[in-house]
Amino acid sequence: DETGPHTPGVSVECARWLAEETPVLGIGVETVGTDAGTAHSFDPAFPCHSFLLGAGKYGLTQLRNLDRLPATGAVVVAPPLPIVGGSGSPVRVLALVER
């Protein structure tokens, strides 16, 4: 709307916790970006980029069918293209689950 995008995302506190206190390697979301739509107004702005990427963790965006995965036990395969000097890469993400 006229105030900007309103997609969901994690809070500043959650992004900091994920980056500094958890063993996760990264996060994956269904939205266009890992940050909330209003993250430009957060302090700091865009906390997922600021904290997670700053901690060497990754963010996968525009994922589909996440609701079809089990809460635990899925293996995610996300091989990026080897782009030299780039800050990101297109990737085809696969989730492997036991039947």
PDB file of N, CA and C in Angstrom:
ATOM      1  N   ASP A   1       0.832  -1.184   0.000  1.00  0.00           N
ATOM      2  CA  ASP A   1       0.000   0.000   0.000  1.00  0.00           C
ATOM      3  C   ASP A   1       0.881   1.254   0.000  1.00  0.00           C
ATOM      4  N   GLU A   2       0.294   2.391   0.249  1.00  0.00           N
ATOM      5  CA  GLU A   2       1.035   3.652   0.177  1.00  0.00           C
ATOM      6  C   GLU A   2       2.140   3.789   1.227  1.00  0.00           C
ATOM      7  N   THR A   3       2.123   2.945   2.275  1.00  0.00           N
ATOM      8  CA  THR A   3       3.163   3.029   3.301  1.00  0.00           C
ATOM      9  C   THR A   3       4.326   2.070   3.033  1.00  0.00           C
ATOM     10  N   GLY A   4       4.236   1.263   1.994  1.00  0.00           N
ATOM     11  CA  GLY A   4       5.313   0.340   1.647  1.00  0.00           C
ATOM     12  C   GLY A   4       4.892  -1.112   1.762  1.00  0.00           C
ATOM     13  N   PRO A   5       5.841  -2.034   1.563  1.00  0.00           N
ATOM     14  CA  PRO A   5       5.534  -3.457   1.615  1.00  0.00           C
ATOM     15  C   PRO A   5       5.276  -3.936   3.036  1.00  0.00           C
ATOM     16  N   HIS A   6       4.443  -4.957   3.158  1.00  0.00           N
ATOM     17  CA  HIS A   6       4.083  -5.484   4.470  1.00  0.00           C
ATOM     18  C   HIS A   6       4.248  -6.998   4.535  1.00  0.00           C
ATOM     19  N   THR A   7       5.330  -7.518   3.991  1.00  0.00           N
ATOM     20  CA  THR A   7       5.561  -8.959   4.072  1.00  0.00           C
ATOM     21  C   THR A   7       6.077  -9.322   5.455  1.00  0.00           C
ATOM     22  N   PRO A   8       5.811 -10.556   5.907  1.00  0.00           N
ATOM     23  CA  PRO A   8       6.268 -10.960   7.240  1.00  0.00           C
ATOM     24  C   PRO A   8       7.777 -11.126   7.284  1.00  0.00           C
ATOM     25  N   GLY A   9       8.311 -11.114   8.475  1.00  0.00           N
ATOM     26  CA  GLY A   9       9.742 -11.321   8.673  1.00  0.00           C
ATOM     27  C   GLY A   9      10.071 -11.341  10.145  1.00  0.00           C
ATOM     28  N   VAL A  10      11.316 -11.634  10.448  1.00  0.00           N
ATOM     29  CA  VAL A  10      11.743 -11.733  11.843  1.00  0.00           C
ATOM     30  C   VAL A  10      12.057 -10.355  12.407  1.00  0.00           C
ATOM     31  N   SER A  11      11.990 -10.262  13.720  1.00  0.00           N
ATOM     32  CA  SER A  11      12.299  -9.010  14.404  1.00  0.00           C
ATOM     33  C   SER A  11      13.811  -8.812  14.482  1.00  0.00           C
ATOM     34  N   VAL A  12      14.213  -7.628  14.887  1.00  0.00           N
ATOM     35  CA  VAL A  12      15.634  -7.334  15.092  1.00  0.00           C
ATOM     36  C   VAL A  12      16.207  -8.295  16.124  1.00  0.00           C
ATOM     37  N   GLU A  13      15.491  -8.490  17.231  1.00  0.00           N
ATOM     38  CA  GLU A  13      15.964  -9.365  18.296  1.00  0.00           C
ATOM     39  C   GLU A  13      16.110 -10.807  17.820  1.00  0.00           C
ATOM     40  N   CYS A  14      15.163 -11.267  17.034  1.00  0.00           N
ATOM     41  CA  CYS A  14      15.219 -12.635  16.519  1.00  0.00           C
ATOM     42  C   CYS A  14      16.384 -12.794  15.540  1.00  0.00           C
ATOM     43  N   ALA A  15      16.589 -11.834  14.662  1.00  0.00           N
ATOM     44  CA  ALA A  15      17.700 -11.906  13.707  1.00  0.00           C
ATOM     45  C   ALA A  15      19.036 -11.944  14.444  1.00  0.00           C
ATOM     46  N   ARG A  16      19.173 -11.132  15.471  1.00  0.00           N
ATOM     47  CA  ARG A  16      20.408 -11.119  16.268  1.00  0.00           C
ATOM     48  C   ARG A  16      20.609 -12.476  16.956  1.00  0.00           C
ATOM     49  N   TRP A  17      19.534 -13.014  17.540  1.00  0.00           N
ATOM     50  CA  TRP A  17      19.601 -14.307  18.225  1.00  0.00           C
ATOM     51  C   TRP A  17      19.977 -15.425  17.244  1.00  0.00           C
ATOM     52  N   LEU A  18      19.331 -15.455  16.085  1.00  0.00           N
ATOM     53  CA  LEU A  18      19.656 -16.474  15.079  1.00  0.00           C
ATOM     54  C   LEU A  18      21.120 -16.387  14.652  1.00  0.00           C
ATOM     55  N   ALA A  19      21.626 -15.182  14.504  1.00  0.00           N
ATOM     56  CA  ALA A  19      23.001 -14.983  14.050  1.00  0.00           C
ATOM     57  C   ALA A  19      24.027 -15.310  15.124  1.00  0.00           C
ATOM     58  N   GLU A  20      23.735 -14.944  16.363  1.00  0.00           N
ATOM     59  CA  GLU A  20      24.751 -15.023  17.410  1.00  0.00           C
ATOM     60  C   GLU A  20      24.609 -16.195  18.378  1.00  0.00           C
ATOM     61  N   GLU A  21      23.394 -16.703  18.555  1.00  0.00           N
ATOM     62  CA  GLU A  21      23.159 -17.678  19.619  1.00  0.00           C
ATOM     63  C   GLU A  21      22.769 -19.074  19.138  1.00  0.00           C
ATOM     64  N   THR A  22      22.496 -19.244  17.871  1.00  0.00           N
ATOM     65  CA  THR A  22      22.030 -20.547  17.394  1.00  0.00           C
ATOM     66  C   THR A  22      23.028 -21.167  16.424  1.00  0.00           C
ATOM     67  N   PRO A  23      22.983 -22.482  16.300  1.00  0.00           N
ATOM     68  CA  PRO A  23      23.879 -23.152  15.360  1.00  0.00           C
ATOM     69  C   PRO A  23      23.336 -23.209  13.921  1.00  0.00           C
ATOM     70  N   VAL A  24      22.207 -22.540  13.637  1.00  0.00           N
ATOM     71  CA  VAL A  24      21.655 -22.597  12.277  1.00  0.00           C
ATOM     72  C   VAL A  24      22.657 -22.039  11.279  1.00  0.00           C
ATOM     73  N   LEU A  25      22.620 -22.574  10.081  1.00  0.00           N
ATOM     74  CA  LEU A  25      23.501 -22.109   9.013  1.00  0.00           C
ATOM     75  C   LEU A  25      22.881 -20.968   8.228  1.00  0.00           C
ATOM     76  N   GLY A  26      21.544 -20.868   8.291  1.00  0.00           N
ATOM     77  CA  GLY A  26      20.841 -19.832   7.556  1.00  0.00           C
ATOM     78  C   GLY A  26      19.349 -19.995   7.730  1.00  0.00           C
ATOM     79  N   ILE A  27      18.600 -19.181   7.002  1.00  0.00           N
ATOM     80  CA  ILE A  27      17.138 -19.266   7.053  1.00  0.00           C
ATOM     81  C   ILE A  27      16.584 -19.289   5.638  1.00  0.00           C
ATOM     82  N   GLY A  28      15.382 -19.816   5.509  1.00  0.00           N
ATOM     83  CA  GLY A  28      14.682 -19.823   4.240  1.00  0.00           C
ATOM     84  C   GLY A  28      13.283 -19.281   4.421  1.00  0.00           C
ATOM     85  N   VAL A  29      12.827 -18.477   3.473  1.00  0.00           N
ATOM     86  CA  VAL A  29      11.511 -17.845   3.557  1.00  0.00           C
ATOM     87  C   VAL A  29      10.790 -17.937   2.218  1.00  0.00           C
ATOM     88  N   GLU A  30       9.481 -17.773   2.258  1.00  0.00           N
ATOM     89  CA  GLU A  30       8.689 -17.785   1.026  1.00  0.00           C
ATOM     90  C   GLU A  30       8.636 -16.421   0.358  1.00  0.00           C
ATOM     91  N   THR A  31       8.972 -15.385   1.072  1.00  0.00           N
ATOM     92  CA  THR A  31       8.855 -14.025   0.559  1.00  0.00           C
ATOM     93  C   THR A  31      10.047 -13.648  -0.319  1.00  0.00           C
ATOM     94  N   VAL A  32       9.988 -12.467  -0.914  1.00  0.00           N
ATOM     95  CA  VAL A  32      11.036 -11.988  -1.831  1.00  0.00           C
ATOM     96  C   VAL A  32      12.358 -11.735  -1.118  1.00  0.00           C
ATOM     97  N   GLY A  33      12.307 -11.355   0.153  1.00  0.00           N
ATOM     98  CA  GLY A  33      13.528 -11.108   0.911  1.00  0.00           C
ATOM     99  C   GLY A  33      13.464 -11.750   2.277  1.00  0.00           C
ATOM    100  N   THR A  34      14.611 -11.913   2.919  1.00  0.00           N
ATOM    101  CA  THR A  34      14.644 -12.516   4.251  1.00  0.00           C
ATOM    102  C   THR A  34      14.149 -11.555   5.321  1.00  0.00           C
ATOM    103  N   ASP A  35      14.203 -10.263   5.053  1.00  0.00           N
ATOM    104  CA  ASP A  35      13.734  -9.272   6.017  1.00  0.00           C
ATOM    105  C   ASP A  35      12.254  -8.971   5.823  1.00  0.00           C
ATOM    106  N   ALA A  36      11.629  -8.486   6.871  1.00  0.00           N
ATOM    107  CA  ALA A  36      10.229  -8.063   6.798  1.00  0.00           C
ATOM    108  C   ALA A  36      10.099  -6.902   5.813  1.00  0.00           C
ATOM    109  N   GLY A  37       8.924  -6.738   5.258  1.00  0.00           N
ATOM    110  CA  GLY A  37       8.694  -5.658   4.297  1.00  0.00           C
ATOM    111  C   GLY A  37       8.954  -4.279   4.856  1.00  0.00           C
ATOM    112  N   THR A  38       8.749  -4.106   6.154  1.00  0.00           N
ATOM    113  CA  THR A  38       8.986  -2.803   6.785  1.00  0.00           C
ATOM    114  C   THR A  38      10.358  -2.708   7.447  1.00  0.00           C
ATOM    115  N   ALA A  39      11.256  -3.641   7.130  1.00  0.00           N
ATOM    116  CA  ALA A  39      12.565  -3.697   7.789  1.00  0.00           C
ATOM    117  C   ALA A  39      13.448  -2.478   7.513  1.00  0.00           C
ATOM    118  N   HIS A  40      13.100  -1.707   6.494  1.00  0.00           N
ATOM    119  CA  HIS A  40      13.866  -0.482   6.242  1.00  0.00           C
ATOM    120  C   HIS A  40      13.730   0.505   7.396  1.00  0.00           C
ATOM    121  N   SER A  41      12.654   0.364   8.189  1.00  0.00           N
ATOM    122  CA  SER A  41      12.431   1.277   9.313  1.00  0.00           C
ATOM    123  C   SER A  41      12.892   0.691  10.644  1.00  0.00           C
ATOM    124  N   PHE A  42      13.444  -0.528  10.650  1.00  0.00           N
ATOM    125  CA  PHE A  42      13.937  -1.150  11.879  1.00  0.00           C
ATOM    126  C   PHE A  42      15.260  -0.504  12.287  1.00  0.00           C
ATOM    127  N   ASP A  43      15.685  -0.764  13.523  1.00  0.00           N
ATOM    128  CA  ASP A  43      16.975  -0.274  13.997  1.00  0.00           C
ATOM    129  C   ASP A  43      17.772  -1.443  14.551  1.00  0.00           C
ATOM    130  N   PRO A  44      18.745  -1.966  13.788  1.00  0.00           N
ATOM    131  CA  PRO A  44      19.218  -1.492  12.494  1.00  0.00           C
ATOM    132  C   PRO A  44      18.275  -1.927  11.372  1.00  0.00           C
ATOM    133  N   ALA A  45      18.375  -1.219  10.282  1.00  0.00           N
ATOM    134  CA  ALA A  45      17.564  -1.561   9.112  1.00  0.00           C
ATOM    135  C   ALA A  45      18.001  -2.916   8.565  1.00  0.00           C
ATOM    136  N   PHE A  46      17.065  -3.650   8.028  1.00  0.00           N
ATOM    137  CA  PHE A  46      17.308  -4.953   7.403  1.00  0.00           C
ATOM    138  C   PHE A  46      18.157  -5.866   8.292  1.00  0.00           C
ATOM    139  N   PRO A  47      17.630  -6.246   9.468  1.00  0.00           N
ATOM    140  CA  PRO A  47      18.424  -7.009  10.430  1.00  0.00           C
ATOM    141  C   PRO A  47      18.881  -8.382   9.958  1.00  0.00           C
ATOM    142  N   CYS A  48      18.110  -9.058   9.116  1.00  0.00           N
ATOM    143  CA  CYS A  48      18.583 -10.354   8.617  1.00  0.00           C
ATOM    144  C   CYS A  48      19.855 -10.173   7.807  1.00  0.00           C
ATOM    145  N   HIS A  49      19.856  -9.182   6.942  1.00  0.00           N
ATOM    146  CA  HIS A  49      21.070  -8.907   6.181  1.00  0.00           C
ATOM    147  C   HIS A  49      22.196  -8.465   7.101  1.00  0.00           C
ATOM    148  N   SER A  50      21.887  -7.610   8.023  1.00  0.00           N
ATOM    149  CA  SER A  50      22.885  -7.073   8.926  1.00  0.00           C
ATOM    150  C   SER A  50      23.506  -8.148   9.815  1.00  0.00           C
ATOM    151  N   PHE A  51      22.673  -8.952  10.475  1.00  0.00           N
ATOM    152  CA  PHE A  51      23.178  -9.914  11.446  1.00  0.00           C
ATOM    153  C   PHE A  51      23.501 -11.278  10.838  1.00  0.00           C
ATOM    154  N   LEU A  52      22.545 -11.876  10.120  1.00  0.00           N
ATOM    155  CA  LEU A  52      22.767 -13.229   9.598  1.00  0.00           C
ATOM    156  C   LEU A  52      23.873 -13.268   8.556  1.00  0.00           C
ATOM    157  N   LEU A  53      23.765 -12.417   7.549  1.00  0.00           N
ATOM    158  CA  LEU A  53      24.802 -12.431   6.515  1.00  0.00           C
ATOM    159  C   LEU A  53      26.132 -11.960   7.081  1.00  0.00           C
ATOM    160  N   GLY A  54      26.083 -11.042   8.033  1.00  0.00           N
ATOM    161  CA  GLY A  54      27.301 -10.583   8.692  1.00  0.00           C
ATOM    162  C   GLY A  54      27.976 -11.672   9.505  1.00  0.00           C
ATOM    163  N   ALA A  55      27.222 -12.679   9.928  1.00  0.00           N
ATOM    164  CA  ALA A  55      27.771 -13.804  10.689  1.00  0.00           C
ATOM    165  C   ALA A  55      28.150 -14.967   9.776  1.00  0.00           C
ATOM    166  N   GLY A  56      28.108 -14.742   8.467  1.00  0.00           N
ATOM    167  CA  GLY A  56      28.478 -15.789   7.528  1.00  0.00           C
ATOM    168  C   GLY A  56      27.392 -16.823   7.300  1.00  0.00           C
ATOM    169  N   LYS A  57      26.161 -16.510   7.715  1.00  0.00           N
ATOM    170  CA  LYS A  57      25.032 -17.404   7.485  1.00  0.00           C
ATOM    171  C   LYS A  57      24.312 -16.958   6.215  1.00  0.00           C
ATOM    172  N   TYR A  58      23.488 -17.798   5.672  1.00  0.00           N
ATOM    173  CA  TYR A  58      22.852 -17.478   4.395  1.00  0.00           C
ATOM    174  C   TYR A  58      21.352 -17.279   4.530  1.00  0.00           C
ATOM    175  N   GLY A  59      20.752 -16.735   3.494  1.00  0.00           N
ATOM    176  CA  GLY A  59      19.315 -16.569   3.423  1.00  0.00           C
ATOM    177  C   GLY A  59      18.809 -17.042   2.076  1.00  0.00           C
ATOM    178  N   LEU A  60      17.813 -17.904   2.090  1.00  0.00           N
ATOM    179  CA  LEU A  60      17.173 -18.384   0.870  1.00  0.00           C
ATOM    180  C   LEU A  60      15.797 -17.751   0.786  1.00  0.00           C
ATOM    181  N   THR A  61      15.467 -17.204  -0.366  1.00  0.00           N
ATOM    182  CA  THR A  61      14.198 -16.507  -0.535  1.00  0.00           C
ATOM    183  C   THR A  61      13.360 -17.151  -1.636  1.00  0.00           C
ATOM    184  N   GLN A  62      12.097 -16.792  -1.654  1.00  0.00           N
ATOM    185  CA  GLN A  62      11.144 -17.210  -2.668  1.00  0.00           C
ATOM    186  C   GLN A  62      11.013 -18.730  -2.750  1.00  0.00           C
ATOM    187  N   LEU A  63      11.031 -19.370  -1.582  1.00  0.00           N
ATOM    188  CA  LEU A  63      10.845 -20.812  -1.516  1.00  0.00           C
ATOM    189  C   LEU A  63       9.353 -21.124  -1.578  1.00  0.00           C
ATOM    190  N   ARG A  64       9.009 -22.308  -2.057  1.00  0.00           N
ATOM    191  CA  ARG A  64       7.606 -22.714  -2.163  1.00  0.00           C
ATOM    192  C   ARG A  64       7.394 -24.023  -1.434  1.00  0.00           C
ATOM    193  N   ASN A  65       6.142 -24.248  -1.050  1.00  0.00           N
ATOM    194  CA  ASN A  65       5.702 -25.514  -0.458  1.00  0.00           C
ATOM    195  C   ASN A  65       6.399 -25.857   0.856  1.00  0.00           C
ATOM    196  N   LEU A  66       6.830 -24.851   1.587  1.00  0.00           N
ATOM    197  CA  LEU A  66       7.466 -25.109   2.877  1.00  0.00           C
ATOM    198  C   LEU A  66       6.515 -25.787   3.847  1.00  0.00           C
ATOM    199  N   ASP A  67       5.229 -25.531   3.700  1.00  0.00           N
ATOM    200  CA  ASP A  67       4.236 -26.144   4.575  1.00  0.00           C
ATOM    201  C   ASP A  67       4.140 -27.652   4.368  1.00  0.00           C
ATOM    202  N   ARG A  68       4.685 -28.155   3.289  1.00  0.00           N
ATOM    203  CA  ARG A  68       4.632 -29.585   3.008  1.00  0.00           C
ATOM    204  C   ARG A  68       5.803 -30.347   3.633  1.00  0.00           C
ATOM    205  N   LEU A  69       6.765 -29.618   4.206  1.00  0.00           N
ATOM    206  CA  LEU A  69       7.912 -30.261   4.834  1.00  0.00           C
ATOM    207  C   LEU A  69       7.611 -30.608   6.286  1.00  0.00           C
ATOM    208  N   PRO A  70       8.226 -31.686   6.797  1.00  0.00           N
ATOM    209  CA  PRO A  70       8.054 -31.988   8.212  1.00  0.00           C
ATOM    210  C   PRO A  70       8.751 -30.926   9.071  1.00  0.00           C
ATOM    211  N   ALA A  71       8.316 -30.798  10.306  1.00  0.00           N
ATOM    212  CA  ALA A  71       8.912 -29.805  11.213  1.00  0.00           C
ATOM    213  C   ALA A  71      10.396 -30.067  11.430  1.00  0.00           C
ATOM    214  N   THR A  72      10.818 -31.320  11.421  1.00  0.00           N
ATOM    215  CA  THR A  72      12.232 -31.681  11.537  1.00  0.00           C
ATOM    216  C   THR A  72      12.534 -32.817  10.586  1.00  0.00           C
ATOM    217  N   GLY A  73      13.794 -32.982  10.269  1.00  0.00           N
ATOM    218  CA  GLY A  73      14.215 -34.138   9.490  1.00  0.00           C
ATOM    219  C   GLY A  73      14.419 -33.935   8.007  1.00  0.00           C
ATOM    220  N   ALA A  74      14.032 -32.819   7.453  1.00  0.00           N
ATOM    221  CA  ALA A  74      14.263 -32.591   6.025  1.00  0.00           C
ATOM    222  C   ALA A  74      15.709 -32.151   5.810  1.00  0.00           C
ATOM    223  N   VAL A  75      16.279 -32.547   4.699  1.00  0.00           N
ATOM    224  CA  VAL A  75      17.619 -32.107   4.307  1.00  0.00           C
ATOM    225  C   VAL A  75      17.446 -31.165   3.127  1.00  0.00           C
ATOM    226  N   VAL A  76      17.976 -29.955   3.258  1.00  0.00           N
ATOM    227  CA  VAL A  76      17.854 -28.958   2.205  1.00  0.00           C
ATOM    228  C   VAL A  76      19.141 -28.917   1.394  1.00  0.00           C
ATOM    229  N   VAL A  77      18.997 -28.989   0.079  1.00  0.00           N
ATOM    230  CA  VAL A  77      20.129 -28.900  -0.829  1.00  0.00           C
ATOM    231  C   VAL A  77      19.964 -27.604  -1.612  1.00  0.00           C
ATOM    232  N   ALA A  78      20.953 -26.717  -1.501  1.00  0.00           N
ATOM    233  CA  ALA A  78      20.872 -25.402  -2.156  1.00  0.00           C
ATOM    234  C   ALA A  78      22.224 -25.047  -2.752  1.00  0.00           C
ATOM    235  N   PRO A  79      22.558 -25.627  -3.908  1.00  0.00           N
ATOM    236  CA  PRO A  79      23.871 -25.372  -4.502  1.00  0.00           C
ATOM    237  C   PRO A  79      23.895 -24.065  -5.308  1.00  0.00           C
ATOM    238  N   PRO A  80      24.602 -23.046  -4.837  1.00  0.00           N
ATOM    239  CA  PRO A  80      24.652 -21.772  -5.571  1.00  0.00           C
ATOM    240  C   PRO A  80      25.582 -21.860  -6.781  1.00  0.00           C
ATOM    241  N   LEU A  81      25.366 -20.980  -7.734  1.00  0.00           N
ATOM    242  CA  LEU A  81      26.284 -20.865  -8.858  1.00  0.00           C
ATOM    243  C   LEU A  81      27.559 -20.183  -8.371  1.00  0.00           C
ATOM    244  N   PRO A  82      28.716 -20.578  -8.863  1.00  0.00           N
ATOM    245  CA  PRO A  82      29.970 -19.966  -8.402  1.00  0.00           C
ATOM    246  C   PRO A  82      30.228 -18.619  -9.081  1.00  0.00           C
ATOM    247  N   ILE A  83      29.497 -17.600  -8.656  1.00  0.00           N
ATOM    248  CA  ILE A  83      29.655 -16.267  -9.239  1.00  0.00           C
ATOM    249  C   ILE A  83      30.789 -15.557  -8.509  1.00  0.00           C
ATOM    250  N   VAL A  84      31.837 -15.221  -9.221  1.00  0.00           N
ATOM    251  CA  VAL A  84      33.004 -14.572  -8.623  1.00  0.00           C
ATOM    252  C   VAL A  84      32.696 -13.109  -8.354  1.00  0.00           C
ATOM    253  N   GLY A  85      32.918 -12.683  -7.126  1.00  0.00           N
ATOM    254  CA  GLY A  85      32.717 -11.287  -6.758  1.00  0.00           C
ATOM    255  C   GLY A  85      31.264 -10.898  -6.557  1.00  0.00           C
ATOM    256  N   GLY A  86      30.353 -11.856  -6.604  1.00  0.00           N
ATOM    257  CA  GLY A  86      28.934 -11.543  -6.442  1.00  0.00           C
ATOM    258  C   GLY A  86      28.513 -11.602  -4.990  1.00  0.00           C
ATOM    259  N   SER A  87      27.361 -11.027  -4.708  1.00  0.00           N
ATOM    260  CA  SER A  87      26.847 -11.053  -3.343  1.00  0.00           C
ATOM    261  C   SER A  87      25.684 -12.026  -3.199  1.00  0.00           C
ATOM    262  N   GLY A  88      25.334 -12.705  -4.258  1.00  0.00           N
ATOM    263  CA  GLY A  88      24.233 -13.650  -4.227  1.00  0.00           C
ATOM    264  C   GLY A  88      24.252 -14.513  -5.468  1.00  0.00           C
ATOM    265  N   SER A  89      23.324 -15.439  -5.541  1.00  0.00           N
ATOM    266  CA  SER A  89      23.283 -16.351  -6.677  1.00  0.00           C
ATOM    267  C   SER A  89      21.897 -16.947  -6.817  1.00  0.00           C
ATOM    268  N   PRO A  90      21.444 -17.152  -8.057  1.00  0.00           N
ATOM    269  CA  PRO A  90      20.230 -17.941  -8.222  1.00  0.00           C
ATOM    270  C   PRO A  90      20.548 -19.385  -7.823  1.00  0.00           C
ATOM    271  N   VAL A  91      19.545 -20.088  -7.313  1.00  0.00           N
ATOM    272  CA  VAL A  91      19.763 -21.449  -6.861  1.00  0.00           C
ATOM    273  C   VAL A  91      18.468 -22.236  -6.988  1.00  0.00           C
ATOM    274  N   ARG A  92      18.575 -23.489  -7.315  1.00  0.00           N
ATOM    275  CA  ARG A  92      17.406 -24.376  -7.315  1.00  0.00           C
ATOM    276  C   ARG A  92      17.465 -25.183  -6.020  1.00  0.00           C
ATOM    277  N   VAL A  93      16.526 -24.914  -5.125  1.00  0.00           N
ATOM    278  CA  VAL A  93      16.520 -25.518  -3.797  1.00  0.00           C
ATOM    279  C   VAL A  93      15.698 -26.797  -3.805  1.00  0.00           C
ATOM    280  N   LEU A  94      16.260 -27.841  -3.245  1.00  0.00           N
ATOM    281  CA  LEU A  94      15.562 -29.124  -3.108  1.00  0.00           C
ATOM    282  C   LEU A  94      15.506 -29.502  -1.645  1.00  0.00           C
ATOM    283  N   ALA A  95      14.406 -30.103  -1.235  1.00  0.00           N
ATOM    284  CA  ALA A  95      14.286 -30.622   0.124  1.00  0.00           C
ATOM    285  C   ALA A  95      14.094 -32.132   0.019  1.00  0.00           C
ATOM    286  N   LEU A  96      14.931 -32.863   0.720  1.00  0.00           N
ATOM    287  CA  LEU A  96      14.857 -34.321   0.724  1.00  0.00           C
ATOM    288  C   LEU A  96      14.191 -34.759   2.022  1.00  0.00           C
ATOM    289  N   VAL A  97      13.166 -35.598   1.913  1.00  0.00           N
ATOM    290  CA  VAL A  97      12.467 -36.098   3.089  1.00  0.00           C
ATOM    291  C   VAL A  97      12.351 -37.603   2.991  1.00  0.00           C
ATOM    292  N   GLU A  98      12.379 -38.244   4.149  1.00  0.00           N
ATOM    293  CA  GLU A  98      12.244 -39.690   4.189  1.00  0.00           C
ATOM    294  C   GLU A  98      10.788 -40.063   3.980  1.00  0.00           C
ATOM    295  N   ARG A  99      10.527 -41.097   3.200  1.00  0.00           N
ATOM    296  CA  ARG A  99       9.150 -41.566   2.972  1.00  0.00           C
ATOM    297  C   ARG A  99       8.822 -42.681   3.907  1.00  0.00           C
TER     298      ARG A  99
END
